[in-house]
C-alpha atoms as a PDB file:
ATOM      1  CA  MET A   1      -0.195  -0.052   0.040  1.00  0.00           C
ATOM      2  CA  SER A   2       1.510   3.282  -0.790  1.00  0.00           C
ATOM      3  CA  ALA A   3       1.497   6.023   1.909  1.00  0.00           C
ATOM      4  CA  ASP A   4      -0.538   8.220  -0.282  1.00  0.00           C
ATOM      5  CA  THR A   5      -3.111   5.112  -0.197  1.00  0.00           C
ATOM      6  CA  TRP A   6      -2.181   4.386   3.898  1.00  0.00           C
ATOM      7  CA  THR A   7      -2.953   7.843   4.616  1.00  0.00           C
ATOM      8  CA  ARG A   8      -6.387   7.921   2.855  1.00  0.00           C
ATOM      9  CA  THR A   9      -7.442   4.673   4.388  1.00  0.00           C
ATOM     10  CA  LEU A  10      -6.771   5.754   7.941  1.00  0.00           C
ATOM     11  CA  THR A  11      -8.429   8.967   7.499  1.00  0.00           C
ATOM     12  CA  GLU A  12     -11.423   7.522   6.088  1.00  0.00           C
ATOM     13  CA  LEU A  13     -10.948   4.550   9.381  1.00  0.00           C
ATOM     14  CA  ALA A  14     -10.645   7.476  11.781  1.00  0.00           C
ATOM     15  CA  GLU A  15     -13.800   9.414  10.287  1.00  0.00           C
ATOM     16  CA  ALA A  16     -16.302   5.765  10.237  1.00  0.00           C
ATOM     17  CA  ILE A  17     -15.544   5.440  14.002  1.00  0.00           C
ATOM     18  CA  ARG A  18     -15.997   8.862  14.858  1.00  0.00           C
ATOM     19  CA  THR A  19     -19.340   8.835  12.818  1.00  0.00           C
ATOM     20  CA  SER A  20     -20.191   5.427  13.882  1.00  0.00           C
ATOM     21  CA  GLU A  21     -23.517   5.546  16.005  1.00  0.00           C
ATOM     22  CA  ILE A  22     -23.240   3.166  19.057  1.00  0.00           C
ATOM     23  CA  PRO A  23     -25.826   2.560  21.625  1.00  0.00           C
ATOM     24  CA  GLY A  24     -24.933   4.460  24.743  1.00  0.00           C
ATOM     25  CA  ASP A  25     -21.943   6.603  23.683  1.00  0.00           C
ATOM     26  CA  LEU A  26     -21.970  10.266  24.764  1.00  0.00           C
ATOM     27  CA  GLY A  27     -20.764  11.042  21.437  1.00  0.00           C
ATOM     28  CA  ILE A  28     -17.266  10.824  19.493  1.00  0.00           C
ATOM     29  CA  THR A  29     -15.636  13.511  19.058  1.00  0.00           C
ATOM     30  CA  GLN A  30     -12.317  13.095  17.480  1.00  0.00           C
ATOM     31  CA  VAL A  31     -10.237   9.659  16.769  1.00  0.00           C
ATOM     32  CA  THR A  32      -7.309   9.839  15.696  1.00  0.00           C
ATOM     33  CA  LEU A  33      -5.174   6.700  14.420  1.00  0.00           C
ATOM     34  CA  GLU A  34      -1.722   5.721  15.404  1.00  0.00           C
ATOM     35  CA  PRO A  35       0.324   2.432  13.661  1.00  0.00           C
ATOM     36  CA  MET A  36       2.091   0.461  16.388  1.00  0.00           C
ATOM     37  CA  VAL A  37       3.018  -3.059  16.949  1.00  0.00           C
ATOM     38  CA  ASP A  38       1.932  -5.469  19.790  1.00  0.00           C
ATOM     39  CA  SER A  39       3.873  -7.546  21.939  1.00  0.00           C
ATOM     40  CA  GLU A  40       4.247 -10.554  19.329  1.00  0.00           C
ATOM     41  CA  GLY A  41       5.421  -8.552  16.674  1.00  0.00           C
ATOM     42  CA  GLU A  42       1.728  -7.710  14.479  1.00  0.00           C
ATOM     43  CA  GLU A  43       1.050  -4.582  13.253  1.00  0.00           C
ATOM     44  CA  GLY A  44      -1.617  -3.184  14.864  1.00  0.00           C
ATOM     45  CA  LEU A  45      -3.223   0.926  15.370  1.00  0.00           C
ATOM     46  CA  TRP A  46      -4.264   2.389  18.606  1.00  0.00           C
ATOM     47  CA  ALA A  47      -7.332   4.542  18.075  1.00  0.00           C
ATOM     48  CA  HIS A  48      -7.349   7.439  20.784  1.00  0.00           C
ATOM     49  CA  ILE A  49     -10.870   7.860  20.687  1.00  0.00           C
ATOM     50  CA  VAL A  50     -12.268  11.085  22.145  1.00  0.00           C
ATOM     51  CA  MET A  51     -15.872  11.260  23.799  1.00  0.00           C
ATOM     52  CA  ASP A  52     -18.044  14.319  24.309  1.00  0.00           C
ATOM     53  CA  GLY A  53     -18.622  13.532  28.114  1.00  0.00           C
ATOM     54  CA  VAL A  54     -18.544  10.683  30.544  1.00  0.00           C
ATOM     55  CA  GLY A  55     -20.952   9.178  32.523  1.00  0.00           C
ATOM     56  CA  ASP A  56     -21.128   9.685  36.492  1.00  0.00           C
ATOM     57  CA  ASP A  57     -19.295   6.153  36.871  1.00  0.00           C
ATOM     58  CA  GLY A  58     -16.817   6.975  33.973  1.00  0.00           C
ATOM     59  CA  TRP A  59     -17.755   4.894  30.556  1.00  0.00           C
ATOM     60  CA  ASP A  60     -19.988   1.818  30.390  1.00  0.00           C
ATOM     61  CA  PRO A  61     -17.899  -1.144  29.482  1.00  0.00           C
ATOM     62  CA  MET A  62     -20.122  -2.894  27.099  1.00  0.00           C
ATOM     63  CA  MET A  63     -20.060   0.931  25.295  1.00  0.00           C
ATOM     64  CA  CYS A  64     -16.830   0.617  25.673  1.00  0.00           C
ATOM     65  CA  HIS A  65     -15.968  -2.799  24.216  1.00  0.00           C
ATOM     66  CA  ALA A  66     -18.644  -1.675  21.233  1.00  0.00           C
ATOM     67  CA  VAL A  67     -16.643   0.759  20.011  1.00  0.00           C
ATOM     68  CA  SER A  68     -13.455  -1.887  20.087  1.00  0.00           C
ATOM     69  CA  MET A  69     -15.481  -4.147  17.744  1.00  0.00           C
ATOM     70  CA  ASN A  70     -16.582  -1.678  15.569  1.00  0.00           C
ATOM     71  CA  GLY A  71     -13.209  -0.033  15.061  1.00  0.00           C
ATOM     72  CA  ASN A  72     -12.103  -3.505  14.602  1.00  0.00           C
ATOM     73  CA  ARG A  73     -14.787  -4.577  12.230  1.00  0.00           C
ATOM     74  CA  LEU A  74     -14.575  -0.805  10.358  1.00  0.00           C
ATOM     75  CA  ALA A  75     -10.869  -1.915   9.633  1.00  0.00           C
ATOM     76  CA  VAL A  76     -11.502  -5.190   8.000  1.00  0.00           C
ATOM     77  CA  GLU A  77     -14.091  -2.974   6.047  1.00  0.00           C
ATOM     78  CA  HIS A  78     -11.504  -0.682   4.805  1.00  0.00           C
ATOM     79  CA  GLY A  79      -9.219  -3.438   3.768  1.00  0.00           C
ATOM     80  CA  LEU A  80      -6.879  -3.748   6.292  1.00  0.00           C
ATOM     81  CA  ASP A  81      -5.582  -6.759   8.115  1.00  0.00           C
ATOM     82  CA  HIS A  82      -4.710  -4.456  12.070  1.00  0.00           C
ATOM     83  CA  TYR A  83      -6.062  -5.304  15.389  1.00  0.00           C
ATOM     84  CA  VAL A  84      -7.389  -2.092  16.791  1.00  0.00           C
ATOM     85  CA  TYR A  85      -6.591  -1.324  20.212  1.00  0.00           C
ATOM     86  CA  THR A  86      -8.662   1.430  21.466  1.00  0.00           C
ATOM     87  CA  ARG A  87      -7.659   3.973  24.369  1.00  0.00           C
ATOM     88  CA  PHE A  88     -10.723   6.555  25.533  1.00  0.00           C
ATOM     89  CA  TYR A  89     -10.052  10.080  26.440  1.00  0.00           C
ATOM     90  CA  THR A  90     -12.342  13.061  28.057  1.00  0.00           C
ATOM     91  CA  GLN A  91     -11.788  15.968  25.790  1.00  0.00           C
ATOM     92  CA  ARG A  92     -10.019  17.490  28.444  1.00  0.00           C
ATOM     93  CA  ASP A  93      -7.529  14.420  29.350  1.00  0.00           C
ATOM     94  CA  TRP A  94      -6.542  14.503  25.272  1.00  0.00           C
ATOM     95  CA  ALA A  95      -5.594  18.116  25.914  1.00  0.00           C
ATOM     96  CA  GLU A  96      -3.346  17.429  28.808  1.00  0.00           C
ATOM     97  CA  ARG A  97      -2.545  14.487  26.916  1.00  0.00           C
ATOM     98  CA  ASP A  98      -1.351  17.379  23.973  1.00  0.00           C
ATOM     99  CA  LEU A  99       0.500  19.216  26.293  1.00  0.00           C
ATOM    100  CA  ALA A 100       2.527  16.696  28.232  1.00  0.00           C
ATOM    101  CA  GLU A 101       3.993  15.674  24.571  1.00  0.00           C
ATOM    102  CA  ASP A 102       5.026  19.426  23.831  1.00  0.00           C
ATOM    103  CA  ASP A 103       6.838  19.197  27.558  1.00  0.00           C
ATOM    104  CA  ASP A 104       8.360  16.855  26.478  1.00  0.00           C
ATOM    105  CA  GLU A 105       9.941  17.594  23.435  1.00  0.00           C
ATOM    106  CA  GLU A 106      10.873  20.850  24.689  1.00  0.00           C
ATOM    107  CA  GLN A 107      12.820  18.799  27.558  1.00  0.00           C
ATOM    108  CA  ALA A 108      14.492  16.494  25.300  1.00  0.00           C
END
């Protein structure tokens, strides 16, 4: 797969995940995909999923599982043979993550 095709596929997959309707989700506002290699040497993808809100007791485990399963189904539909690992963030946590990475880069 060429670099342009890879980038286009990841962009389309991220948008498909973001716009999916999952019962109980609190609104996915952003999806960032990041290539990775798992502990067994298999290629995969991190899906960093920013949610619009969080319930009083956090995110419902069944909703998180449904989003994860949906991400893997959509990856296959987009022609990818990569497992999609999901991480969920509030908008605030995601913003703080970006700030922490900026601080790490400045100190290097």
